[in-house]
């Protein structure tokens, strides 16, 4: 009797364990297949030592073509145009200066008109030459917000020209170095304008290691300085796209910053070293929540933060939440799925602040909120950094000789309609579906330097005003 009972027990265990093992195997297999399909390794770069600079460039171009063939974001017309440009470069009888090669490859990847397809400025052992200032975009203009002490007299200045070239032409050339929406292209220009290699390679600067900047100071006076470029140290000092410079965040050693004339800024512009923030707003029933990434960053973990924030809001529901996704370059949108599908149900209204740096997984997160909250979600600020159909995922590699690094995109995301081509549609989205008609701001609010200098954060203050008015 007992052996029969043991046999039955063993059979029941087998009925439970075997399906679990099979499911685990299928899950692991699906994961590996997804990784192989959407994150393909780059091809090996097997080339003999080049005999001269021209041969080295031709090898790099040959490998660049192989990497670009992995990118699925190019339209047939854009790919044909890219191939024509590369063919002309290969046929040249003289190698380009390294700075010009960088710019030319950036222009080619920009033909894909896809924000994730681009050339990276950094690579193993490669350190670009930088100018000793950092800028922030207000509207369409660039303002000097950080500088090495020797050039602090330029702080607060709006860029007028570089080596005599007017800003309108500078911006046009920088806009052509990365694909995507106009605002995203212009935002990336704040990064590129700090790289002397790009300035020289794009024909903006006349010399490889210096450029003369003219800016208009807040007083209205013009200031002109010749900036001596320096090689980025191994310790970092990487150029930043500028969102952080619009705060009173602590300065890196060896830098000085421009402080607003008002002497202070709202909580939305404070403590930007805190990637994740959840704050009560004095004098209001609303709360302020900031996400600058959708992934763990600088030792700050997103999952515990979102869980704690969700629990606090559930226990003490505010009348509204102001969710700040400006400057959020993305990460892993699965981290935010639960939070985005829960928070709109815990509060009367959610105000989402966006700008062109709201990109990649931050766009997906915005879409999650908009789909879940519907009319109870209001988007304020500037348009997000990409369209509702874009390519992401993928990988990248560096060219064998110049060490310039290319990034290719392989998985299509579509948030405003179905995506049915299994070959290009990112499979994970089938488990995290989202459909929205638009993520355009309900109110377009472009930040102006004069407002910031007076101590304002206009999109945040508009959200706060709307939240308080709704609760009266």
Protein backbone atom coordinates (compact mmCIF):
# COMPACT_ATOMS: atom_id res chain seq x y z
CA UNK A 1 0.00 0.00 0.00
CA UNK A 2 2.76 2.41 0.96
CA UNK A 3 4.78 1.65 -2.20
CA UNK A 4 1.68 2.31 -4.32
CA UNK A 5 1.16 5.59 -2.48
CA UNK A 6 4.80 6.54 -3.08
CA UNK A 7 4.47 5.69 -6.76
CA UNK A 8 1.41 7.93 -7.05
CA UNK A 9 3.20 10.71 -5.23
CA UNK A 10 6.19 10.42 -7.57
CA UNK A 11 3.91 10.49 -10.59
CA UNK A 12 2.23 13.67 -9.36
CA UNK A 13 5.63 15.23 -8.78
CA UNK A 14 6.65 14.31 -12.32
CA UNK A 15 3.48 15.89 -13.69
CA UNK A 16 4.43 19.12 -11.94
CA UNK A 17 8.22 19.15 -12.36
CA UNK A 18 8.50 18.07 -15.99
CA UNK A 19 6.22 20.84 -17.35
CA UNK A 20 8.13 23.38 -15.25
CA UNK A 21 11.43 22.16 -16.72
CA UNK A 22 9.97 22.29 -20.23
CA UNK A 23 8.62 25.82 -19.66
CA UNK A 24 11.95 26.96 -18.24
CA UNK A 25 13.73 25.50 -21.26
CA UNK A 26 11.33 27.19 -23.66
CA UNK A 27 11.74 30.47 -21.82
CA UNK A 28 15.52 30.25 -21.93
CA UNK A 29 15.40 29.32 -25.60
CA UNK A 30 13.11 32.26 -26.37
CA UNK A 31 15.45 34.59 -24.49
CA UNK A 32 18.48 33.35 -26.40
CA UNK A 33 16.66 33.62 -29.73
CA UNK A 34 15.61 37.20 -28.89
CA UNK A 35 19.18 38.11 -28.01
CA UNK A 36 20.55 36.60 -31.22
CA UNK A 37 17.94 38.29 -33.39
CA UNK A 38 17.86 41.78 -31.87
CA UNK A 39 21.34 42.04 -30.36
CA UNK A 40 23.54 40.44 -33.01
CA UNK A 41 27.26 40.50 -32.42
CA UNK A 42 29.20 42.62 -34.89
CA UNK A 43 31.28 40.80 -37.50
CA UNK A 44 34.94 40.19 -36.85
CA UNK A 45 37.24 42.89 -38.20
CA UNK A 46 39.91 40.82 -39.91
CA UNK A 47 42.12 43.17 -41.89
CA UNK A 48 45.88 43.17 -42.51
CA UNK A 49 47.92 46.05 -41.12
CA UNK A 50 47.28 49.00 -43.45
CA UNK A 51 50.17 50.28 -45.53
CA UNK A 52 49.09 53.91 -45.29
CA UNK A 53 46.33 56.25 -44.12
CA UNK A 54 44.27 55.77 -47.29
CA UNK A 55 44.27 51.98 -46.93
CA UNK A 56 43.38 52.34 -43.25
CA UNK A 57 40.40 54.53 -44.17
CA UNK A 58 39.22 52.08 -46.84
CA UNK A 59 39.37 49.24 -44.32
CA UNK A 60 37.35 51.29 -41.87
CA UNK A 61 34.77 52.10 -44.53
CA UNK A 62 34.51 48.43 -45.50
CA UNK A 63 33.84 47.47 -41.89
CA UNK A 64 31.46 50.41 -41.43
CA UNK A 65 29.36 49.06 -44.32
CA UNK A 66 29.19 45.65 -42.63
CA UNK A 67 27.94 47.25 -39.43
CA UNK A 68 25.39 49.36 -41.27
CA UNK A 69 24.02 46.26 -42.96
CA UNK A 70 22.91 45.09 -39.50
CA UNK A 71 20.88 48.27 -38.99
CA UNK A 72 17.22 47.79 -39.93
CA UNK A 73 16.13 51.41 -39.61
CA UNK A 74 17.25 52.66 -43.05
CA UNK A 75 14.61 53.10 -45.71
CA UNK A 76 15.63 51.69 -49.13
CA UNK A 77 16.19 55.23 -50.43
CA UNK A 78 18.28 56.24 -47.39
CA UNK A 79 20.39 53.09 -47.63
CA UNK A 80 21.00 53.69 -51.32
CA UNK A 81 22.08 57.25 -50.59
CA UNK A 82 24.37 56.08 -47.79
CA UNK A 83 25.97 53.50 -50.08
CA UNK A 84 26.54 56.15 -52.78
CA UNK A 85 28.34 58.41 -50.30
CA UNK A 86 30.48 55.54 -49.01
CA UNK A 87 31.37 54.49 -52.56
CA UNK A 88 32.64 58.02 -53.31
CA UNK A 89 34.69 57.98 -50.10
CA UNK A 90 36.18 54.60 -50.98
CA UNK A 91 37.14 55.82 -54.44
CA UNK A 92 38.98 58.88 -53.12
CA UNK A 93 42.76 58.91 -53.63
CA UNK A 94 43.44 60.74 -50.38
CA UNK A 95 42.39 59.97 -46.82
CA UNK A 96 40.23 62.43 -44.95
CA UNK A 97 41.54 64.06 -41.78
CA UNK A 98 40.28 62.01 -38.81
CA UNK A 99 37.95 64.81 -37.71
CA UNK A 100 36.35 65.01 -41.16
CA UNK A 101 35.97 61.22 -41.28
CA UNK A 102 34.08 61.32 -37.98
CA UNK A 103 31.71 64.00 -39.24
CA UNK A 104 31.17 62.26 -42.59
CA UNK A 105 30.24 58.99 -40.85
CA UNK A 106 27.91 60.87 -38.51
CA UNK A 107 26.20 62.41 -41.54
CA UNK A 108 25.78 58.95 -43.08
CA UNK A 109 24.18 57.44 -39.97
CA UNK A 110 21.91 60.48 -39.76
CA UNK A 111 20.47 59.47 -43.15
CA UNK A 112 18.60 56.68 -41.34
CA UNK A 113 16.66 59.46 -39.61
CA UNK A 114 16.47 57.25 -36.53
CA UNK A 115 17.58 58.58 -33.16
CA UNK A 116 19.20 55.32 -32.00
CA UNK A 117 21.36 54.96 -35.13
CA UNK A 118 24.47 57.04 -34.55
CA UNK A 119 28.22 57.27 -34.12
CA UNK A 120 29.47 57.23 -30.54
CA UNK A 121 32.05 59.80 -29.56
CA UNK A 122 33.89 57.51 -27.17
CA UNK A 123 35.51 54.17 -27.77
CA UNK A 124 38.18 51.96 -26.23
CA UNK A 125 41.27 54.09 -25.86
CA UNK A 126 39.75 56.97 -27.83
CA UNK A 127 39.48 60.36 -26.16
CA UNK A 128 38.16 63.29 -28.20
CA UNK A 129 39.38 66.86 -28.04
CA UNK A 130 36.95 69.11 -26.18
CA UNK A 131 36.44 72.82 -25.74
CA UNK A 132 36.50 74.14 -22.15
CA UNK A 133 32.81 75.15 -22.04
CA UNK A 134 29.47 73.32 -21.80
CA UNK A 135 26.19 74.60 -23.15
CA UNK A 136 22.46 74.17 -22.51
CA UNK A 137 19.67 74.61 -25.02
CA UNK A 138 16.90 77.09 -24.27
CA UNK A 139 14.44 77.17 -27.14
CA UNK A 140 16.60 76.80 -30.25
CA UNK A 141 19.62 78.67 -28.82
CA UNK A 142 22.70 77.51 -26.92
CA UNK A 143 23.86 79.18 -23.71
CA UNK A 144 27.21 78.68 -21.97
CA UNK A 145 26.39 77.27 -18.52
CA UNK A 146 29.70 75.68 -17.46
CA UNK A 147 33.28 76.68 -18.17
CA UNK A 148 36.83 76.12 -17.07
CA UNK A 149 37.85 79.03 -14.80
CA UNK A 150 39.95 80.70 -17.51
CA UNK A 151 36.78 81.19 -19.61
CA UNK A 152 34.26 82.03 -16.91
CA UNK A 153 33.61 85.42 -18.49
CA UNK A 154 31.53 83.57 -21.14
CA UNK A 155 29.07 82.15 -18.59
CA UNK A 156 25.45 82.94 -19.32
CA UNK A 157 26.29 83.93 -22.88
CA UNK A 158 24.14 82.99 -25.86
CA UNK A 159 26.25 81.57 -28.68
CA UNK A 160 26.44 84.04 -31.58
CA UNK A 161 29.25 82.64 -33.73
CA UNK A 162 32.28 80.36 -33.86
CA UNK A 163 35.25 81.48 -35.96
CA UNK A 164 32.94 83.97 -37.63
CA UNK A 165 30.29 81.42 -38.63
CA UNK A 166 26.84 82.55 -37.41
CA UNK A 167 24.88 80.32 -35.07
CA UNK A 168 22.17 79.63 -37.67
CA UNK A 169 24.73 77.92 -39.91
CA UNK A 170 26.42 76.19 -36.97
CA UNK A 171 23.10 74.76 -35.84
CA UNK A 172 22.25 73.61 -39.37
CA UNK A 173 25.52 71.66 -39.61
CA UNK A 174 25.15 70.13 -36.16
CA UNK A 175 21.50 69.20 -36.82
CA UNK A 176 22.71 67.03 -39.70
CA UNK A 177 24.86 64.79 -37.51
CA UNK A 178 22.14 62.63 -35.97
CA UNK A 179 18.76 61.39 -37.15
CA UNK A 180 15.43 61.92 -35.45
CA UNK A 181 13.02 64.73 -34.81
CA UNK A 182 14.22 68.36 -35.17
CA UNK A 183 14.18 69.00 -31.42
CA UNK A 184 16.22 65.86 -30.75
CA UNK A 185 18.74 66.81 -33.43
CA UNK A 186 19.09 70.29 -31.95
CA UNK A 187 19.42 68.90 -28.43
CA UNK A 188 22.28 66.64 -29.52
CA UNK A 189 23.96 69.71 -30.95
CA UNK A 190 24.60 70.86 -27.39
CA UNK A 191 26.83 67.81 -27.03
CA UNK A 192 28.52 68.12 -30.41
CA UNK A 193 29.34 71.81 -30.07
CA UNK A 194 31.59 70.99 -27.11
CA UNK A 195 33.69 68.59 -29.21
CA UNK A 196 36.46 70.40 -31.06
CA UNK A 197 36.97 67.42 -33.37
CA UNK A 198 33.40 67.86 -34.62
CA UNK A 199 33.72 71.63 -34.95
CA UNK A 200 36.84 71.24 -37.09
CA UNK A 201 35.55 68.23 -39.03
CA UNK A 202 32.29 70.03 -39.86
CA UNK A 203 34.14 73.11 -41.13
CA UNK A 204 32.87 75.26 -38.26
CA UNK A 205 36.26 75.77 -36.61
CA UNK A 206 39.22 76.74 -38.76
CA UNK A 207 41.89 75.01 -36.65
CA UNK A 208 41.97 71.52 -35.12
CA UNK A 209 42.76 72.60 -31.55
CA UNK A 210 41.17 76.00 -31.07
CA UNK A 211 38.04 77.95 -31.92
CA UNK A 212 36.99 81.52 -31.30
CA UNK A 213 33.54 81.90 -29.72
CA UNK A 214 31.42 85.03 -29.58
CA UNK A 215 28.53 85.09 -27.13
CA UNK A 216 26.00 87.66 -26.02
CA UNK A 217 26.05 88.00 -22.25
CA UNK A 218 22.90 88.54 -20.14
CA UNK A 219 23.86 92.23 -19.97
CA UNK A 220 23.58 92.42 -23.75
CA UNK A 221 27.32 92.91 -24.24
CA UNK A 222 29.28 90.71 -26.65
CA UNK A 223 32.24 88.68 -25.44
CA UNK A 224 34.75 86.94 -27.73
CA UNK A 225 37.31 84.38 -26.57
CA UNK A 226 39.60 81.92 -28.31
CA UNK A 227 39.09 78.52 -26.66
CA UNK A 228 42.07 76.19 -26.48
CA UNK A 229 40.88 72.59 -26.88
CA UNK A 230 42.14 69.83 -24.61
CA UNK A 231 42.13 66.05 -24.85
CA UNK A 232 39.51 64.43 -22.68
CA UNK A 233 41.29 62.75 -19.75
CA UNK A 234 40.92 59.03 -19.09
CA UNK A 235 39.08 59.89 -15.88
CA UNK A 236 36.10 61.16 -17.86
CA UNK A 237 35.00 64.78 -18.25
CA UNK A 238 32.64 63.64 -20.99
CA UNK A 239 30.50 66.33 -22.64
CA UNK A 240 26.92 66.43 -21.42
CA UNK A 241 23.79 67.25 -23.40
CA UNK A 242 23.02 70.11 -21.05
CA UNK A 243 19.92 69.23 -19.04
CA UNK A 244 22.00 68.89 -15.88
CA UNK A 245 23.60 72.28 -16.48
CA UNK A 246 20.20 73.99 -16.08
CA UNK A 247 20.25 73.15 -12.39
CA UNK A 248 22.27 74.07 -9.35
CA UNK A 249 23.81 70.60 -9.33
CA UNK A 250 27.27 70.31 -7.74
CA UNK A 251 30.09 71.21 -10.10
CA UNK A 252 32.83 68.84 -11.15
CA UNK A 253 36.29 69.79 -9.94
CA UNK A 254 37.89 72.41 -12.16
CA UNK A 255 34.63 73.86 -13.48
CA UNK A 256 32.60 76.97 -12.68
CA UNK A 257 28.92 77.41 -13.44
CA UNK A 258 26.41 80.11 -14.19
CA UNK A 259 23.87 80.61 -11.42
CA UNK A 260 20.50 82.20 -12.15
CA UNK A 261 20.24 85.87 -11.32
CA UNK A 262 17.36 84.97 -9.00
CA UNK A 263 19.76 82.93 -6.88
CA UNK A 264 17.45 79.93 -6.58
CA UNK A 265 15.38 77.50 -8.62
CA UNK A 266 12.26 75.39 -7.93
CA UNK A 267 12.61 71.86 -6.51
CA UNK A 268 12.33 70.50 -10.05
CA UNK A 269 15.75 71.97 -10.83
CA UNK A 270 17.46 71.00 -7.59
CA UNK A 271 19.55 67.96 -6.67
CA UNK A 272 19.75 66.54 -10.20
CA UNK A 273 22.45 64.18 -8.97
CA UNK A 274 19.52 62.29 -7.48
CA UNK A 275 18.39 60.32 -10.50
CA UNK A 276 15.10 59.40 -8.80
CA UNK A 277 13.21 61.88 -6.63
CA UNK A 278 9.87 61.85 -4.79
CA UNK A 279 8.99 65.07 -2.99
CA UNK A 280 6.04 66.74 -1.33
CA UNK A 281 5.43 70.22 -2.74
CA UNK A 282 5.14 72.95 -0.11
CA UNK A 283 1.75 74.66 -0.15
CA UNK A 284 0.23 72.13 -2.54
CA UNK A 285 -1.59 68.81 -2.38
CA UNK A 286 0.47 67.55 -5.35
CA UNK A 287 3.68 65.52 -5.33
CA UNK A 288 6.73 65.83 -7.55
CA UNK A 289 8.33 62.64 -8.92
CA UNK A 290 11.43 62.73 -11.11
CA UNK A 291 12.86 59.88 -13.19
CA UNK A 292 16.04 60.72 -15.10
CA UNK A 293 16.59 57.12 -16.19
CA UNK A 294 14.54 53.94 -16.50
CA UNK A 295 17.44 51.86 -15.24
CA UNK A 296 19.75 51.69 -12.23
CA UNK A 297 22.19 54.60 -12.45
CA UNK A 298 25.19 55.70 -10.37
CA UNK A 299 24.34 53.18 -7.66
CA UNK A 300 20.75 54.40 -7.43
CA UNK A 301 18.25 51.58 -7.96
CA UNK A 302 14.99 52.21 -9.76
CA UNK A 303 12.91 49.21 -8.60
CA UNK A 304 13.03 49.97 -4.84
CA UNK A 305 12.39 53.65 -5.57
CA UNK A 306 9.29 52.94 -7.64
CA UNK A 307 7.97 50.42 -5.12
CA UNK A 308 8.43 52.85 -2.24
CA UNK A 309 6.92 55.76 -4.18
CA UNK A 310 3.92 53.66 -5.20
CA UNK A 311 3.36 52.59 -1.59
CA UNK A 312 3.61 56.16 -0.27
CA UNK A 313 1.17 57.50 -2.84
CA UNK A 314 -1.26 54.63 -2.21
CA UNK A 315 -1.15 55.33 1.53
CA UNK A 316 -1.49 59.11 1.15
CA UNK A 317 -2.96 59.88 -2.29
CA UNK A 318 -2.03 63.37 -3.51
CA UNK A 319 -4.44 65.40 -5.62
CA UNK A 320 -1.97 65.15 -8.49
CA UNK A 321 1.47 63.86 -9.40
CA UNK A 322 3.90 65.89 -11.48
CA UNK A 323 6.08 63.29 -13.20
CA UNK A 324 9.25 64.82 -14.61
CA UNK A 325 10.72 62.79 -17.49
CA UNK A 326 12.82 65.60 -18.95
CA UNK A 327 16.40 64.63 -19.60
CA UNK A 328 15.48 60.93 -19.35
CA UNK A 329 17.43 59.04 -21.99
CA UNK A 330 15.70 55.72 -21.36
CA UNK A 331 16.90 52.35 -20.10
CA UNK A 332 14.58 49.35 -19.67
CA UNK A 333 10.88 50.14 -19.90
CA UNK A 334 9.89 46.88 -18.20
CA UNK A 335 11.18 48.49 -14.99
CA UNK A 336 8.44 51.12 -15.20
CA UNK A 337 5.53 49.03 -16.52
CA UNK A 338 3.86 48.29 -13.17
CA UNK A 339 4.41 51.80 -11.83
CA UNK A 340 2.99 53.40 -14.97
CA UNK A 341 -0.09 51.16 -14.86
CA UNK A 342 -0.69 51.78 -11.15
CA UNK A 343 0.12 55.41 -10.41
CA UNK A 344 -2.63 56.98 -12.60
CA UNK A 345 -5.18 54.98 -10.62
CA UNK A 346 -3.90 56.30 -7.29
CA UNK A 347 -4.24 60.01 -7.97
CA UNK A 348 -6.78 62.27 -9.63
CA UNK A 349 -4.41 63.59 -12.28
CA UNK A 350 -0.89 63.05 -13.58
CA UNK A 351 1.10 65.81 -15.28
CA UNK A 352 4.05 64.54 -17.32
CA UNK A 353 6.88 66.92 -18.21
CA UNK A 354 8.74 66.03 -21.43
CA UNK A 355 11.44 67.45 -23.67
CA UNK A 356 13.58 66.19 -26.61
CA UNK A 357 15.76 64.29 -24.13
CA UNK A 358 12.72 62.18 -23.16
CA UNK A 359 13.95 59.31 -25.28
CA UNK A 360 13.82 55.56 -25.88
CA UNK A 361 12.40 53.73 -22.82
CA UNK A 362 11.25 57.09 -21.43
CA UNK A 363 9.01 57.42 -24.49
CA UNK A 364 7.59 53.95 -23.80
CA UNK A 365 7.02 54.92 -20.17
CA UNK A 366 5.20 58.09 -21.23
CA UNK A 367 3.02 55.98 -23.52
CA UNK A 368 2.24 53.55 -20.67
CA UNK A 369 1.03 56.45 -18.54
CA UNK A 370 -0.98 58.05 -21.33
CA UNK A 371 -2.72 54.80 -22.26
CA UNK A 372 -3.52 53.96 -18.65
CA UNK A 373 -4.58 57.42 -17.48
CA UNK A 374 -6.24 58.70 -20.64
CA UNK A 375 -7.79 62.12 -20.02
CA UNK A 376 -6.38 62.15 -16.51
CA UNK A 377 -2.85 62.44 -17.92
CA UNK A 378 -1.65 65.79 -19.26
CA UNK A 379 1.67 66.20 -21.06
CA UNK A 380 3.41 69.56 -20.71
CA UNK A 381 6.64 70.93 -22.13
CA UNK A 382 8.38 70.16 -25.40
CA UNK A 383 7.88 67.15 -27.72
CA UNK A 384 9.55 63.85 -26.86
CA UNK A 385 12.78 62.86 -28.58
CA UNK A 386 11.47 60.43 -31.18
CA UNK A 387 8.45 59.39 -33.20
CA UNK A 388 5.93 56.77 -32.05
CA UNK A 389 7.54 54.35 -34.49
CA UNK A 390 11.31 54.00 -34.19
CA UNK A 391 14.09 51.42 -34.17
CA UNK A 392 16.14 50.66 -31.07
CA UNK A 393 17.92 47.63 -29.53
CA UNK A 394 20.94 46.40 -31.50
CA UNK A 395 24.59 46.78 -30.64
CA UNK A 396 27.72 48.41 -32.02
CA UNK A 397 31.43 48.15 -32.68
CA UNK A 398 34.46 50.31 -33.35
CA UNK A 399 36.24 50.62 -36.67
CA UNK A 400 39.60 48.83 -36.72
CA UNK A 401 41.90 51.77 -37.44
CA UNK A 402 40.25 55.07 -36.50
CA UNK A 403 38.52 53.47 -33.49
CA UNK A 404 35.39 55.46 -34.31
CA UNK A 405 32.39 53.56 -32.97
CA UNK A 406 29.12 52.86 -34.73
CA UNK A 407 25.76 51.91 -33.18
CA UNK A 408 23.19 49.96 -35.19
CA UNK A 409 19.48 49.56 -34.39
CA UNK A 410 17.60 46.31 -35.07
CA UNK A 411 14.21 46.26 -33.31
CA UNK A 412 11.16 48.27 -34.33
CA UNK A 413 8.89 49.85 -31.71
CA UNK A 414 5.45 51.04 -32.78
CA UNK A 415 3.22 52.69 -30.19
CA UNK A 416 0.51 54.24 -32.36
CA UNK A 417 -0.58 51.14 -34.26
CA UNK A 418 0.12 47.46 -34.87
CA UNK A 419 3.58 46.14 -35.69
CA UNK A 420 3.13 42.83 -37.50
CA UNK A 421 6.47 42.02 -39.14
CA UNK A 422 8.00 39.48 -36.76
CA UNK A 423 11.42 39.97 -38.34
CA UNK A 424 11.78 43.63 -37.32
CA UNK A 425 9.11 44.19 -34.61
CA UNK A 426 10.71 43.92 -31.18
CA UNK A 427 9.24 40.76 -29.67
CA UNK A 428 9.27 41.97 -26.05
CA UNK A 429 6.62 44.55 -26.99
CA UNK A 430 4.15 41.72 -27.53
CA UNK A 431 4.30 41.14 -23.76
CA UNK A 432 4.22 44.87 -22.92
CA UNK A 433 1.82 46.27 -25.53
CA UNK A 434 0.88 49.95 -25.62
CA UNK A 435 -1.21 51.96 -28.08
CA UNK A 436 -1.59 55.74 -28.02
CA UNK A 437 -2.67 58.19 -30.69
CA UNK A 438 -0.13 60.84 -29.76
CA UNK A 439 2.37 61.91 -27.11
CA UNK A 440 2.47 65.51 -28.30
CA UNK A 441 2.31 68.00 -25.41
CA UNK A 442 -1.19 69.07 -24.47
CA UNK A 443 0.47 72.43 -23.87
CA UNK A 444 3.66 73.26 -25.73
CA UNK A 445 5.90 75.10 -23.27
CA UNK A 446 9.36 76.07 -24.50
CA UNK A 447 11.72 77.12 -21.73
CA UNK A 448 13.40 80.46 -22.21
CA UNK A 449 16.71 81.49 -20.70
CA UNK A 450 15.25 84.74 -19.34
CA UNK A 451 12.62 82.78 -17.36
CA UNK A 452 15.22 80.34 -16.03
CA UNK A 453 17.50 83.23 -15.08
CA UNK A 454 14.60 84.74 -13.13
CA UNK A 455 14.34 81.52 -11.10
CA UNK A 456 11.50 79.82 -12.98
CA UNK A 457 10.88 76.36 -14.38
CA UNK A 458 7.93 77.20 -16.60
CA UNK A 459 6.67 73.66 -17.45
CA UNK A 460 6.85 72.59 -13.81
CA UNK A 461 5.18 75.77 -12.59
CA UNK A 462 2.39 75.38 -15.16
CA UNK A 463 1.76 71.81 -13.99
CA UNK A 464 1.68 72.97 -10.39
CA UNK A 465 -0.75 75.77 -11.21
CA UNK A 466 -3.08 73.35 -13.00
CA UNK A 467 -2.92 70.85 -10.14
CA UNK A 468 -3.76 73.51 -7.55
CA UNK A 469 -6.59 74.91 -9.68
CA UNK A 470 -8.18 71.47 -10.04
CA UNK A 471 -8.21 71.04 -6.28
CA UNK A 472 -9.94 74.30 -5.41
